[in-house]
Amino acid sequence: MPLVPEAIPFDLLYIVGAVILVGAVGYGVVKWLVSDDDSPPPESKPAESYGYPLASWRYIYDLDKAGANREIQSVHEQAETLAEAEKNRR
């Protein structure tokens, strides 16, 4: 009855591991050579850029804040109108 270590061809495992390692290093080198070195790093891009979560949240927050102020003003006007109508009804 063969044992598990005897059934595994370790020479083949070493070759497959070496091929994977060489392939990964080759992929990294090609990716590095093809990369655009002229683009500035992400830290140097303006804060208003839509690609960054904080900038987009600031933009949405500013829009929501202005909209919220309009809604609050509208609610106050409606409350005043209802108060005057109640006053006139009495």
N, C-alpha and C. Protein backbone atom coordinates (compact mmCIF):
# COMPACT_ATOMS: atom_id res chain seq x y z
N MET A 1 0.85 -1.17 0.00
CA MET A 1 0.00 0.00 0.00
C MET A 1 0.89 1.23 0.00
N PRO A 2 0.82 2.05 -1.04
CA PRO A 2 1.71 3.22 -1.10
C PRO A 2 1.28 4.30 -0.12
N LEU A 3 2.26 4.90 0.50
CA LEU A 3 1.98 6.02 1.40
C LEU A 3 1.78 7.29 0.58
N VAL A 4 1.18 8.25 1.19
CA VAL A 4 0.88 9.50 0.49
C VAL A 4 2.14 10.20 0.01
N PRO A 5 3.20 10.32 0.81
CA PRO A 5 4.40 11.00 0.31
C PRO A 5 5.03 10.30 -0.89
N GLU A 6 4.89 8.99 -0.98
CA GLU A 6 5.46 8.28 -2.12
C GLU A 6 4.65 8.51 -3.38
N ALA A 7 3.37 8.83 -3.22
CA ALA A 7 2.49 9.03 -4.37
C ALA A 7 2.63 10.43 -4.97
N ILE A 8 3.20 11.36 -4.23
CA ILE A 8 3.33 12.74 -4.71
C ILE A 8 4.66 12.90 -5.44
N PRO A 9 4.62 13.30 -6.70
CA PRO A 9 5.89 13.52 -7.42
C PRO A 9 6.47 14.90 -7.06
N PHE A 10 7.38 14.92 -6.08
CA PHE A 10 7.92 16.18 -5.60
C PHE A 10 8.69 16.94 -6.67
N ASP A 11 9.32 16.24 -7.58
CA ASP A 11 10.03 16.92 -8.66
C ASP A 11 9.06 17.76 -9.50
N LEU A 12 7.89 17.22 -9.75
CA LEU A 12 6.88 17.95 -10.51
C LEU A 12 6.36 19.15 -9.73
N LEU A 13 6.20 18.99 -8.41
CA LEU A 13 5.76 20.12 -7.58
C LEU A 13 6.79 21.25 -7.59
N TYR A 14 8.07 20.90 -7.53
CA TYR A 14 9.11 21.92 -7.57
C TYR A 14 9.09 22.67 -8.90
N ILE A 15 8.91 21.94 -9.98
CA ILE A 15 8.89 22.57 -11.31
C ILE A 15 7.68 23.48 -11.44
N VAL A 16 6.51 23.01 -11.00
CA VAL A 16 5.30 23.84 -11.07
C VAL A 16 5.46 25.08 -10.20
N GLY A 17 6.02 24.93 -9.02
CA GLY A 17 6.26 26.09 -8.14
C GLY A 17 7.20 27.09 -8.77
N ALA A 18 8.26 26.59 -9.40
CA ALA A 18 9.22 27.49 -10.06
C ALA A 18 8.57 28.21 -11.23
N VAL A 19 7.74 27.52 -11.99
CA VAL A 19 7.05 28.15 -13.12
C VAL A 19 6.10 29.24 -12.62
N ILE A 20 5.38 28.97 -11.56
CA ILE A 20 4.46 29.97 -10.99
C ILE A 20 5.25 31.18 -10.48
N LEU A 21 6.36 30.93 -9.81
CA LEU A 21 7.18 32.02 -9.29
C LEU A 21 7.75 32.88 -10.42
N VAL A 22 8.29 32.25 -11.43
CA VAL A 22 8.84 32.99 -12.57
C VAL A 22 7.73 33.75 -13.29
N GLY A 23 6.58 33.15 -13.43
CA GLY A 23 5.45 33.82 -14.07
C GLY A 23 4.99 35.04 -13.28
N ALA A 24 4.93 34.93 -11.96
CA ALA A 24 4.52 36.06 -11.12
C ALA A 24 5.53 37.20 -11.20
N VAL A 25 6.81 36.87 -11.14
CA VAL A 25 7.85 37.91 -11.24
C VAL A 25 7.82 38.54 -12.63
N GLY A 26 7.64 37.74 -13.67
CA GLY A 26 7.55 38.28 -15.03
C GLY A 26 6.36 39.19 -15.19
N TYR A 27 5.23 38.80 -14.64
CA TYR A 27 4.03 39.64 -14.70
C TYR A 27 4.27 40.97 -13.99
N GLY A 28 4.91 40.93 -12.83
CA GLY A 28 5.21 42.16 -12.10
C GLY A 28 6.15 43.07 -12.88
N VAL A 29 7.15 42.50 -13.52
CA VAL A 29 8.09 43.31 -14.31
C VAL A 29 7.39 43.94 -15.49
N VAL A 30 6.57 43.19 -16.19
CA VAL A 30 5.83 43.74 -17.34
C VAL A 30 4.89 44.84 -16.87
N LYS A 31 4.19 44.63 -15.77
CA LYS A 31 3.27 45.64 -15.23
C LYS A 31 4.04 46.91 -14.87
N TRP A 32 5.23 46.75 -14.30
CA TRP A 32 6.04 47.89 -13.90
C TRP A 32 6.54 48.65 -15.12
N LEU A 33 6.94 47.93 -16.17
CA LEU A 33 7.44 48.58 -17.38
C LEU A 33 6.33 49.30 -18.15
N VAL A 34 5.13 48.77 -18.12
CA VAL A 34 4.02 49.35 -18.88
C VAL A 34 3.36 50.49 -18.10
N SER A 35 3.58 50.57 -16.80
CA SER A 35 2.89 51.57 -15.98
C SER A 35 3.22 52.98 -16.46
N ASP A 36 2.28 53.88 -16.24
CA ASP A 36 2.43 55.28 -16.65
C ASP A 36 3.17 56.03 -15.54
N ASP A 37 4.44 56.33 -15.77
CA ASP A 37 5.25 57.00 -14.76
C ASP A 37 4.99 58.50 -14.71
N ASP A 38 4.34 59.06 -15.73
CA ASP A 38 4.10 60.50 -15.77
C ASP A 38 2.94 60.93 -14.88
N SER A 39 2.08 60.00 -14.51
CA SER A 39 0.93 60.38 -13.69
C SER A 39 1.40 60.69 -12.27
N PRO A 40 0.83 61.74 -11.67
CA PRO A 40 1.22 62.07 -10.30
C PRO A 40 0.66 61.04 -9.32
N PRO A 41 1.28 60.91 -8.18
CA PRO A 41 0.75 59.97 -7.19
C PRO A 41 -0.62 60.44 -6.70
N PRO A 42 -1.43 59.56 -6.16
CA PRO A 42 -2.78 59.93 -5.74
C PRO A 42 -2.82 61.06 -4.72
N GLU A 43 -1.79 61.22 -3.89
CA GLU A 43 -1.80 62.27 -2.88
C GLU A 43 -1.74 63.65 -3.49
N SER A 44 -1.17 63.80 -4.69
CA SER A 44 -0.99 65.12 -5.26
C SER A 44 -2.15 65.57 -6.14
N LYS A 45 -3.18 64.76 -6.28
CA LYS A 45 -4.33 65.16 -7.08
C LYS A 45 -5.20 66.10 -6.25
N PRO A 46 -5.96 66.98 -6.90
CA PRO A 46 -6.77 67.94 -6.14
C PRO A 46 -7.86 67.25 -5.32
N ALA A 47 -8.28 67.92 -4.25
CA ALA A 47 -9.28 67.34 -3.35
C ALA A 47 -10.65 67.27 -3.99
N GLU A 48 -10.90 68.06 -5.05
CA GLU A 48 -12.20 68.06 -5.69
C GLU A 48 -12.36 66.91 -6.68
N SER A 49 -11.37 66.09 -6.82
CA SER A 49 -11.43 64.99 -7.75
C SER A 49 -12.55 64.04 -7.35
N TYR A 50 -13.29 63.56 -8.35
CA TYR A 50 -14.41 62.67 -8.06
C TYR A 50 -13.96 61.25 -7.81
N GLY A 51 -12.70 60.95 -8.02
CA GLY A 51 -12.20 59.61 -7.83
C GLY A 51 -11.91 59.24 -6.39
N TYR A 52 -11.94 60.21 -5.50
CA TYR A 52 -11.57 59.95 -4.11
C TYR A 52 -12.82 59.99 -3.23
N PRO A 53 -12.98 59.04 -2.36
CA PRO A 53 -14.19 58.97 -1.55
C PRO A 53 -14.43 60.21 -0.70
N LEU A 54 -13.39 60.75 -0.08
CA LEU A 54 -13.60 61.91 0.78
C LEU A 54 -14.07 63.12 -0.01
N ALA A 55 -13.49 63.35 -1.17
CA ALA A 55 -13.90 64.49 -1.97
C ALA A 55 -15.34 64.32 -2.44
N SER A 56 -15.70 63.12 -2.87
CA SER A 56 -17.07 62.93 -3.34
C SER A 56 -18.05 63.06 -2.18
N TRP A 57 -17.68 62.60 -0.99
CA TRP A 57 -18.58 62.75 0.16
C TRP A 57 -18.70 64.21 0.54
N ARG A 58 -17.61 64.97 0.43
CA ARG A 58 -17.71 66.41 0.71
C ARG A 58 -18.66 67.07 -0.26
N TYR A 59 -18.55 66.70 -1.53
CA TYR A 59 -19.41 67.29 -2.55
C TYR A 59 -20.87 66.94 -2.27
N ILE A 60 -21.16 65.70 -1.96
CA ILE A 60 -22.53 65.29 -1.67
C ILE A 60 -23.02 65.98 -0.40
N TYR A 61 -22.16 66.07 0.61
CA TYR A 61 -22.56 66.72 1.85
C TYR A 61 -22.91 68.18 1.61
N ASP A 62 -22.09 68.87 0.79
CA ASP A 62 -22.38 70.27 0.50
C ASP A 62 -23.71 70.41 -0.22
N LEU A 63 -23.98 69.53 -1.18
CA LEU A 63 -25.26 69.58 -1.88
C LEU A 63 -26.40 69.26 -0.92
N ASP A 64 -26.22 68.26 -0.08
CA ASP A 64 -27.27 67.89 0.86
C ASP A 64 -27.50 68.99 1.89
N LYS A 65 -26.44 69.67 2.29
CA LYS A 65 -26.58 70.73 3.28
C LYS A 65 -27.39 71.89 2.70
N ALA A 66 -27.12 72.25 1.45
CA ALA A 66 -27.87 73.33 0.83
C ALA A 66 -29.33 72.92 0.64
N GLY A 67 -29.54 71.69 0.20
CA GLY A 67 -30.91 71.20 0.04
C GLY A 67 -31.64 71.12 1.37
N ALA A 68 -30.92 70.71 2.41
CA ALA A 68 -31.54 70.62 3.74
C ALA A 68 -31.93 72.00 4.24
N ASN A 69 -31.09 72.99 4.00
CA ASN A 69 -31.44 74.35 4.42
C ASN A 69 -32.69 74.84 3.70
N ARG A 70 -32.81 74.53 2.41
CA ARG A 70 -34.02 74.91 1.67
C ARG A 70 -35.24 74.19 2.23
N GLU A 71 -35.11 72.93 2.54
CA GLU A 71 -36.23 72.16 3.09
C GLU A 71 -36.64 72.70 4.45
N ILE A 72 -35.67 73.02 5.28
CA ILE A 72 -35.97 73.57 6.60
C ILE A 72 -36.71 74.90 6.46
N GLN A 73 -36.25 75.75 5.54
CA GLN A 73 -36.91 77.03 5.31
C GLN A 73 -38.35 76.81 4.84
N SER A 74 -38.54 75.82 3.96
CA SER A 74 -39.87 75.50 3.46
C SER A 74 -40.78 75.02 4.59
N VAL A 75 -40.27 74.19 5.48
CA VAL A 75 -41.05 73.70 6.60
C VAL A 75 -41.43 74.85 7.53
N HIS A 76 -40.51 75.77 7.76
CA HIS A 76 -40.80 76.93 8.61
C HIS A 76 -41.91 77.79 7.98
N GLU A 77 -41.83 77.99 6.67
CA GLU A 77 -42.86 78.76 5.98
C GLU A 77 -44.22 78.07 6.07
N GLN A 78 -44.24 76.77 5.90
CA GLN A 78 -45.49 76.02 6.01
C GLN A 78 -46.05 76.10 7.43
N ALA A 79 -45.16 76.04 8.43
CA ALA A 79 -45.61 76.13 9.83
C ALA A 79 -46.21 77.50 10.10
N GLU A 80 -45.58 78.55 9.57
CA GLU A 80 -46.13 79.90 9.76
C GLU A 80 -47.48 80.04 9.08
N THR A 81 -47.59 79.48 7.89
CA THR A 81 -48.86 79.54 7.16
C THR A 81 -49.95 78.78 7.91
N LEU A 82 -49.64 77.62 8.44
CA LEU A 82 -50.61 76.85 9.21
C LEU A 82 -50.98 77.56 10.51
N ALA A 83 -49.99 78.19 11.13
CA ALA A 83 -50.27 78.93 12.37
C ALA A 83 -51.19 80.12 12.09
N GLU A 84 -50.95 80.84 10.98
CA GLU A 84 -51.83 81.96 10.63
C GLU A 84 -53.22 81.46 10.27
N ALA A 85 -53.32 80.36 9.57
CA ALA A 85 -54.63 79.81 9.24
C ALA A 85 -55.39 79.37 10.49
N GLU A 86 -54.68 78.77 11.43
CA GLU A 86 -55.31 78.37 12.70
C GLU A 86 -55.77 79.59 13.49
N LYS A 87 -54.94 80.63 13.45
CA LYS A 87 -55.28 81.86 14.16
C LYS A 87 -56.51 82.50 13.52
N ASN A 88 -56.58 82.53 12.20
CA ASN A 88 -57.73 83.11 11.51
C ASN A 88 -58.98 82.27 11.70
N ARG A 89 -58.83 80.96 11.83
CA ARG A 89 -59.97 80.09 12.03
C ARG A 89 -60.62 80.34 13.37
N ARG A 90 -59.84 80.68 14.37
CA ARG A 90 -60.38 80.93 15.73
C ARG A 90 -60.96 82.30 15.72
